[in-house]
Amino acid sequence: MKIHIVNGPNINLIGRREPGIYGSRDFDDYFLELQSRYPRIEMAAWQSNVEGEIISRIQEVGFDCDGIIINAGAYTHTSIGIQDAIRAVTAPVVEVHLSNVMQREDYRHVSMISPVCVGTVFGFGLDSYRLAVEALIERLG
């Protein structure tokens, strides 16, 4: 099974950015833990702050992997382009957010990508990624 994680803007700053909201652990360390927890799953992680690059990455991996986990960051609330890319590929996509977006600013309550994802996990910090992996494992059998 191949799962590809696509991270959007500012995820590269997790661990340093607003630790009260996002925690003090960086994604790279957590990703190593995910890989060791699921040794039979081929996992890759990729990050960009650029919307067009995120769209291109979804298109590149979305026909060859078994599932995508996406944390589109702020593009979640604005990007029809990312929504269209998710809609176009065959891999199921799970949307992830570290914080509980429903407890935050009103503009974070609307996701442009949720309607085309198989599910959404938010509010569990970096562990949201593990929960998304578990959801894909269950869905894919």
N, C-alpha and C. Protein backbone atom coordinates (compact mmCIF):
# COMPACT_ATOMS: atom_id res chain seq x y z
N MET A 1 0.85 -1.17 0.00
CA MET A 1 0.00 0.00 0.00
C MET A 1 0.90 1.24 0.00
N LYS A 2 0.54 2.21 -0.83
CA LYS A 2 1.29 3.46 -0.92
C LYS A 2 0.39 4.63 -0.51
N ILE A 3 0.86 5.39 0.47
CA ILE A 3 0.15 6.59 0.92
C ILE A 3 1.07 7.78 0.76
N HIS A 4 0.56 8.80 0.16
CA HIS A 4 1.34 10.02 -0.06
C HIS A 4 0.73 11.16 0.77
N ILE A 5 1.56 11.82 1.55
CA ILE A 5 1.12 12.98 2.33
C ILE A 5 1.52 14.24 1.60
N VAL A 6 0.55 15.11 1.39
CA VAL A 6 0.78 16.40 0.74
C VAL A 6 0.48 17.49 1.75
N ASN A 7 1.50 18.25 2.10
CA ASN A 7 1.34 19.33 3.07
C ASN A 7 1.45 20.68 2.38
N GLY A 8 0.58 21.59 2.77
CA GLY A 8 0.54 22.91 2.18
C GLY A 8 1.30 23.95 2.97
N PRO A 9 0.90 25.21 2.79
CA PRO A 9 1.67 26.33 3.33
C PRO A 9 1.82 26.30 4.84
N ASN A 10 3.04 26.62 5.24
CA ASN A 10 3.44 26.79 6.64
C ASN A 10 3.55 25.50 7.45
N ILE A 11 3.25 24.36 6.84
CA ILE A 11 3.41 23.10 7.57
C ILE A 11 4.90 22.86 7.84
N ASN A 12 5.77 23.42 7.01
CA ASN A 12 7.21 23.32 7.26
C ASN A 12 7.62 24.03 8.54
N LEU A 13 6.76 24.87 9.10
CA LEU A 13 7.08 25.60 10.33
C LEU A 13 6.47 24.97 11.58
N ILE A 14 5.78 23.84 11.41
CA ILE A 14 5.19 23.16 12.57
C ILE A 14 6.32 22.81 13.53
N GLY A 15 6.08 23.06 14.80
CA GLY A 15 7.11 22.86 15.82
C GLY A 15 7.71 24.19 16.25
N ARG A 16 7.66 25.17 15.35
CA ARG A 16 8.15 26.52 15.67
C ARG A 16 7.03 27.55 15.57
N ARG A 17 6.05 27.28 14.74
CA ARG A 17 4.97 28.23 14.49
C ARG A 17 3.84 28.04 15.51
N GLU A 18 3.49 29.06 16.23
CA GLU A 18 2.36 29.05 17.15
C GLU A 18 2.22 27.71 17.89
N PRO A 19 3.20 27.38 18.73
CA PRO A 19 3.15 26.07 19.41
C PRO A 19 1.90 25.87 20.27
N GLY A 20 1.27 26.95 20.72
CA GLY A 20 0.05 26.81 21.49
C GLY A 20 -1.10 26.24 20.68
N ILE A 21 -1.04 26.42 19.36
CA ILE A 21 -2.06 25.88 18.47
C ILE A 21 -1.59 24.58 17.82
N TYR A 22 -0.35 24.55 17.35
CA TYR A 22 0.14 23.44 16.53
C TYR A 22 1.10 22.49 17.24
N GLY A 23 1.48 22.80 18.48
CA GLY A 23 2.40 21.92 19.20
C GLY A 23 3.85 22.31 18.94
N SER A 24 4.75 21.64 19.65
CA SER A 24 6.17 21.99 19.56
C SER A 24 7.00 20.94 18.83
N ARG A 25 6.35 19.91 18.32
CA ARG A 25 7.06 18.86 17.59
C ARG A 25 6.97 19.13 16.09
N ASP A 26 8.07 18.93 15.39
CA ASP A 26 8.02 19.19 13.94
C ASP A 26 7.51 17.98 13.17
N PHE A 27 7.03 18.25 11.97
CA PHE A 27 6.41 17.21 11.16
C PHE A 27 7.41 16.13 10.78
N ASP A 28 8.65 16.51 10.44
CA ASP A 28 9.64 15.52 9.99
C ASP A 28 9.88 14.44 11.04
N ASP A 29 10.00 14.84 12.30
CA ASP A 29 10.17 13.85 13.37
C ASP A 29 8.95 12.95 13.48
N TYR A 30 7.77 13.55 13.41
CA TYR A 30 6.54 12.77 13.50
C TYR A 30 6.43 11.80 12.32
N PHE A 31 6.82 12.25 11.13
CA PHE A 31 6.73 11.40 9.95
C PHE A 31 7.61 10.16 10.10
N LEU A 32 8.79 10.30 10.67
CA LEU A 32 9.65 9.13 10.92
C LEU A 32 8.95 8.13 11.84
N GLU A 33 8.24 8.65 12.84
CA GLU A 33 7.48 7.79 13.75
C GLU A 33 6.35 7.07 13.00
N LEU A 34 5.66 7.80 12.12
CA LEU A 34 4.60 7.17 11.31
C LEU A 34 5.15 6.04 10.46
N GLN A 35 6.28 6.28 9.82
CA GLN A 35 6.89 5.26 8.97
C GLN A 35 7.26 4.02 9.78
N SER A 36 7.79 4.21 10.97
CA SER A 36 8.17 3.04 11.77
C SER A 36 6.95 2.32 12.33
N ARG A 37 5.87 3.05 12.56
CA ARG A 37 4.64 2.44 13.06
C ARG A 37 3.95 1.58 12.00
N TYR A 38 4.10 1.95 10.75
CA TYR A 38 3.46 1.24 9.64
C TYR A 38 4.51 0.78 8.62
N PRO A 39 5.33 -0.19 8.99
CA PRO A 39 6.44 -0.59 8.11
C PRO A 39 6.00 -1.21 6.78
N ARG A 40 4.80 -1.73 6.71
CA ARG A 40 4.33 -2.35 5.46
C ARG A 40 3.76 -1.34 4.47
N ILE A 41 3.59 -0.11 4.94
CA ILE A 41 3.04 0.92 4.07
C ILE A 41 4.18 1.78 3.54
N GLU A 42 4.20 1.93 2.24
CA GLU A 42 5.17 2.83 1.62
C GLU A 42 4.61 4.25 1.72
N MET A 43 5.26 5.06 2.55
CA MET A 43 4.78 6.43 2.77
C MET A 43 5.78 7.44 2.26
N ALA A 44 5.25 8.49 1.68
CA ALA A 44 6.07 9.61 1.25
C ALA A 44 5.39 10.88 1.74
N ALA A 45 6.19 11.87 2.07
CA ALA A 45 5.65 13.17 2.49
C ALA A 45 6.31 14.26 1.68
N TRP A 46 5.52 15.26 1.37
CA TRP A 46 5.98 16.36 0.53
C TRP A 46 5.27 17.62 0.99
N GLN A 47 5.94 18.77 0.88
CA GLN A 47 5.37 20.04 1.33
C GLN A 47 5.72 21.16 0.36
N SER A 48 4.77 22.07 0.18
CA SER A 48 5.01 23.29 -0.59
C SER A 48 4.15 24.42 -0.06
N ASN A 49 4.66 25.61 -0.18
CA ASN A 49 3.91 26.81 0.17
C ASN A 49 3.19 27.40 -1.04
N VAL A 50 3.31 26.73 -2.19
CA VAL A 50 2.82 27.27 -3.46
C VAL A 50 1.62 26.44 -3.95
N GLU A 51 0.50 27.10 -4.15
CA GLU A 51 -0.74 26.41 -4.54
C GLU A 51 -0.58 25.58 -5.81
N GLY A 52 0.01 26.16 -6.84
CA GLY A 52 0.17 25.43 -8.10
C GLY A 52 1.02 24.19 -7.97
N GLU A 53 2.04 24.25 -7.13
CA GLU A 53 2.88 23.07 -6.89
C GLU A 53 2.09 21.97 -6.19
N ILE A 54 1.21 22.35 -5.28
CA ILE A 54 0.37 21.37 -4.58
C ILE A 54 -0.56 20.69 -5.58
N ILE A 55 -1.16 21.47 -6.46
CA ILE A 55 -2.03 20.91 -7.50
C ILE A 55 -1.24 19.95 -8.38
N SER A 56 -0.06 20.35 -8.79
CA SER A 56 0.78 19.47 -9.64
C SER A 56 1.13 18.18 -8.91
N ARG A 57 1.44 18.28 -7.62
CA ARG A 57 1.81 17.08 -6.86
C ARG A 57 0.63 16.10 -6.75
N ILE A 58 -0.55 16.64 -6.48
CA ILE A 58 -1.74 15.78 -6.43
C ILE A 58 -1.92 15.05 -7.75
N GLN A 59 -1.75 15.77 -8.84
CA GLN A 59 -1.89 15.16 -10.17
C GLN A 59 -0.79 14.11 -10.42
N GLU A 60 0.43 14.37 -9.94
CA GLU A 60 1.55 13.44 -10.15
C GLU A 60 1.35 12.12 -9.41
N VAL A 61 0.87 12.18 -8.17
CA VAL A 61 0.79 10.97 -7.34
C VAL A 61 -0.60 10.36 -7.28
N GLY A 62 -1.61 11.10 -7.66
CA GLY A 62 -2.99 10.69 -7.43
C GLY A 62 -3.53 9.56 -8.27
N PHE A 63 -2.75 9.11 -9.25
CA PHE A 63 -3.17 7.97 -10.05
C PHE A 63 -2.33 6.72 -9.75
N ASP A 64 -1.23 6.90 -8.99
CA ASP A 64 -0.31 5.80 -8.74
C ASP A 64 -0.26 5.33 -7.30
N CYS A 65 -0.77 6.12 -6.37
CA CYS A 65 -0.74 5.70 -4.97
C CYS A 65 -2.13 5.20 -4.56
N ASP A 66 -2.18 4.58 -3.41
CA ASP A 66 -3.45 4.03 -2.92
C ASP A 66 -4.28 5.05 -2.15
N GLY A 67 -3.63 6.09 -1.66
CA GLY A 67 -4.35 7.11 -0.93
C GLY A 67 -3.48 8.33 -0.70
N ILE A 68 -4.14 9.47 -0.53
CA ILE A 68 -3.45 10.73 -0.25
C ILE A 68 -4.02 11.29 1.04
N ILE A 69 -3.13 11.80 1.86
CA ILE A 69 -3.51 12.58 3.04
C ILE A 69 -3.07 14.00 2.74
N ILE A 70 -4.00 14.95 2.83
CA ILE A 70 -3.65 16.33 2.53
C ILE A 70 -3.95 17.26 3.69
N ASN A 71 -2.96 18.06 4.02
CA ASN A 71 -3.15 19.19 4.92
C ASN A 71 -2.86 20.41 4.04
N ALA A 72 -3.89 20.97 3.48
CA ALA A 72 -3.74 22.08 2.54
C ALA A 72 -3.54 23.42 3.23
N GLY A 73 -3.47 23.41 4.56
CA GLY A 73 -3.26 24.66 5.28
C GLY A 73 -4.33 25.67 4.91
N ALA A 74 -3.93 26.91 4.76
CA ALA A 74 -4.88 27.99 4.46
C ALA A 74 -5.55 27.81 3.10
N TYR A 75 -4.93 27.08 2.19
CA TYR A 75 -5.57 26.84 0.88
C TYR A 75 -6.85 26.02 1.02
N THR A 76 -7.01 25.35 2.13
CA THR A 76 -8.24 24.61 2.40
C THR A 76 -9.47 25.48 2.20
N HIS A 77 -9.35 26.72 2.59
CA HIS A 77 -10.50 27.62 2.64
C HIS A 77 -10.67 28.47 1.39
N THR A 78 -9.75 28.32 0.43
CA THR A 78 -9.77 29.21 -0.73
C THR A 78 -9.60 28.53 -2.08
N SER A 79 -9.08 27.31 -2.12
CA SER A 79 -8.59 26.77 -3.39
C SER A 79 -9.56 25.83 -4.11
N ILE A 80 -10.20 26.37 -5.10
CA ILE A 80 -11.00 25.54 -6.00
C ILE A 80 -10.07 24.69 -6.87
N GLY A 81 -8.88 25.22 -7.17
CA GLY A 81 -7.90 24.47 -7.95
C GLY A 81 -7.48 23.17 -7.28
N ILE A 82 -7.23 23.22 -5.96
CA ILE A 82 -6.88 21.99 -5.23
C ILE A 82 -8.08 21.07 -5.19
N GLN A 83 -9.27 21.62 -5.01
CA GLN A 83 -10.48 20.80 -5.04
C GLN A 83 -10.59 20.08 -6.38
N ASP A 84 -10.39 20.79 -7.46
CA ASP A 84 -10.49 20.18 -8.79
C ASP A 84 -9.43 19.10 -9.00
N ALA A 85 -8.22 19.32 -8.47
CA ALA A 85 -7.16 18.31 -8.60
C ALA A 85 -7.54 17.04 -7.85
N ILE A 86 -8.08 17.20 -6.65
CA ILE A 86 -8.52 16.03 -5.87
C ILE A 86 -9.63 15.29 -6.60
N ARG A 87 -10.56 16.05 -7.14
CA ARG A 87 -11.68 15.46 -7.88
C ARG A 87 -11.20 14.67 -9.11
N ALA A 88 -10.10 15.12 -9.70
CA ALA A 88 -9.61 14.53 -10.95
C ALA A 88 -8.88 13.20 -10.76
N VAL A 89 -8.27 12.99 -9.59
CA VAL A 89 -7.45 11.79 -9.41
C VAL A 89 -8.27 10.62 -8.90
N THR A 90 -7.70 9.42 -9.00
CA THR A 90 -8.41 8.21 -8.58
C THR A 90 -8.16 7.82 -7.13
N ALA A 91 -7.07 8.29 -6.54
CA ALA A 91 -6.75 7.93 -5.15
C ALA A 91 -7.72 8.62 -4.19
N PRO A 92 -8.20 7.90 -3.19
CA PRO A 92 -9.02 8.55 -2.16
C PRO A 92 -8.15 9.51 -1.35
N VAL A 93 -8.75 10.63 -0.97
CA VAL A 93 -8.02 11.67 -0.25
C VAL A 93 -8.68 11.94 1.10
N VAL A 94 -7.86 11.99 2.14
CA VAL A 94 -8.32 12.35 3.48
C VAL A 94 -7.72 13.71 3.82
N GLU A 95 -8.59 14.62 4.20
CA GLU A 95 -8.18 15.97 4.61
C GLU A 95 -7.79 15.96 6.09
N VAL A 96 -6.69 16.62 6.43
CA VAL A 96 -6.18 16.64 7.79
C VAL A 96 -5.88 18.08 8.22
N HIS A 97 -6.17 18.37 9.48
CA HIS A 97 -5.77 19.62 10.11
C HIS A 97 -5.33 19.32 11.53
N LEU A 98 -4.29 19.98 11.98
CA LEU A 98 -3.79 19.74 13.32
C LEU A 98 -4.70 20.32 14.39
N SER A 99 -5.19 21.53 14.16
CA SER A 99 -6.03 22.19 15.15
C SER A 99 -7.50 21.85 14.90
N ASN A 100 -8.32 22.13 15.89
CA ASN A 100 -9.76 21.98 15.71
C ASN A 100 -10.25 23.24 15.03
N VAL A 101 -10.39 23.18 13.72
CA VAL A 101 -10.73 24.37 12.93
C VAL A 101 -12.08 24.96 13.33
N MET A 102 -12.96 24.16 13.89
CA MET A 102 -14.27 24.66 14.30
C MET A 102 -14.21 25.51 15.56
N GLN A 103 -13.10 25.47 16.27
CA GLN A 103 -12.91 26.31 17.45
C GLN A 103 -12.13 27.58 17.11
N ARG A 104 -11.84 27.77 15.84
CA ARG A 104 -11.01 28.89 15.43
C ARG A 104 -11.84 29.93 14.66
N GLU A 105 -11.19 30.79 13.93
CA GLU A 105 -11.86 31.87 13.22
C GLU A 105 -12.93 31.32 12.28
N ASP A 106 -13.99 32.11 12.09
CA ASP A 106 -15.12 31.67 11.25
C ASP A 106 -14.69 31.26 9.85
N TYR A 107 -13.73 31.98 9.26
CA TYR A 107 -13.33 31.64 7.89
C TYR A 107 -12.69 30.26 7.79
N ARG A 108 -12.22 29.72 8.90
CA ARG A 108 -11.64 28.37 8.89
C ARG A 108 -12.71 27.28 8.98
N HIS A 109 -13.95 27.66 9.17
CA HIS A 109 -15.03 26.67 9.29
C HIS A 109 -15.48 26.13 7.94
N VAL A 110 -15.07 26.75 6.85
CA VAL A 110 -15.48 26.33 5.51
C VAL A 110 -14.28 25.75 4.77
N SER A 111 -14.42 24.53 4.30
CA SER A 111 -13.37 23.87 3.53
C SER A 111 -13.83 23.72 2.09
N MET A 112 -12.99 24.18 1.18
CA MET A 112 -13.26 24.00 -0.25
C MET A 112 -12.95 22.57 -0.69
N ILE A 113 -12.16 21.83 0.11
CA ILE A 113 -11.76 20.50 -0.33
C ILE A 113 -12.54 19.36 0.32
N SER A 114 -13.17 19.61 1.46
CA SER A 114 -13.93 18.55 2.14
C SER A 114 -14.94 17.85 1.25
N PRO A 115 -15.67 18.58 0.39
CA PRO A 115 -16.68 17.90 -0.42
C PRO A 115 -16.13 16.83 -1.36
N VAL A 116 -14.83 16.87 -1.67
CA VAL A 116 -14.26 15.88 -2.59
C VAL A 116 -13.32 14.91 -1.90
N CYS A 117 -13.22 15.00 -0.57
CA CYS A 117 -12.40 14.07 0.20
C CYS A 117 -13.30 12.98 0.78
N VAL A 118 -12.70 11.82 1.05
CA VAL A 118 -13.48 10.72 1.64
C VAL A 118 -13.73 10.95 3.12
N GLY A 119 -12.96 11.84 3.74
CA GLY A 119 -13.15 12.15 5.14
C GLY A 119 -12.21 13.25 5.58
N THR A 120 -12.45 13.73 6.78
CA THR A 120 -11.65 14.80 7.36
C THR A 120 -11.32 14.46 8.80
N VAL A 121 -10.06 14.68 9.17
CA VAL A 121 -9.62 14.48 10.55
C VAL A 121 -9.01 15.80 11.01
N PHE A 122 -9.51 16.33 12.12
CA PHE A 122 -8.92 17.56 12.64
C PHE A 122 -9.01 17.62 14.15
N GLY A 123 -8.07 18.37 14.73
CA GLY A 123 -8.12 18.63 16.15
C GLY A 123 -7.26 17.74 17.02
N PHE A 124 -6.51 16.83 16.44
CA PHE A 124 -5.71 15.89 17.23
C PHE A 124 -4.21 16.14 17.08
N GLY A 125 -3.84 17.35 16.70
CA GLY A 125 -2.43 17.67 16.51
C GLY A 125 -1.84 16.79 15.41
N LEU A 126 -0.56 16.50 15.53
CA LEU A 126 0.09 15.67 14.52
C LEU A 126 -0.52 14.28 14.45
N ASP A 127 -1.15 13.83 15.52
CA ASP A 127 -1.79 12.51 15.52
C ASP A 127 -2.95 12.44 14.52
N SER A 128 -3.40 13.58 14.03
CA SER A 128 -4.42 13.58 12.98
C SER A 128 -3.94 12.81 11.76
N TYR A 129 -2.64 12.86 11.48
CA TYR A 129 -2.09 12.10 10.35
C TYR A 129 -2.23 10.59 10.59
N ARG A 130 -1.93 10.13 11.80
CA ARG A 130 -2.06 8.70 12.11
C ARG A 130 -3.50 8.25 11.95
N LEU A 131 -4.42 9.06 12.43
CA LEU A 131 -5.83 8.72 12.30
C LEU A 131 -6.25 8.65 10.83
N ALA A 132 -5.68 9.53 10.01
CA ALA A 132 -5.97 9.49 8.57
C ALA A 132 -5.39 8.23 7.93
N VAL A 133 -4.19 7.83 8.35
CA VAL A 133 -3.60 6.58 7.85
C VAL A 133 -4.50 5.41 8.22
N GLU A 134 -4.95 5.37 9.46
CA GLU A 134 -5.84 4.29 9.91
C GLU A 134 -7.13 4.27 9.08
N ALA A 135 -7.66 5.45 8.79
CA ALA A 135 -8.88 5.52 7.97
C ALA A 135 -8.64 4.96 6.57
N LEU A 136 -7.50 5.29 5.99
CA LEU A 136 -7.19 4.76 4.65
C LEU A 136 -6.98 3.26 4.68
N ILE A 137 -6.29 2.76 5.70
CA ILE A 137 -6.08 1.31 5.83
C ILE A 137 -7.45 0.61 5.89
N GLU A 138 -8.33 1.13 6.72
CA GLU A 138 -9.66 0.54 6.86
C GLU A 138 -10.44 0.60 5.53
N ARG A 139 -10.36 1.72 4.88
CA ARG A 139 -11.11 1.91 3.62
C ARG A 139 -10.57 1.01 2.51
N LEU A 140 -9.26 0.86 2.46
CA LEU A 140 -8.63 0.12 1.37
C LEU A 140 -8.54 -1.38 1.65
N GLY A 141 -8.77 -1.74 2.92
CA GLY A 141 -8.75 -3.16 3.28
C GLY A 141 -7.37 -3.69 3.35
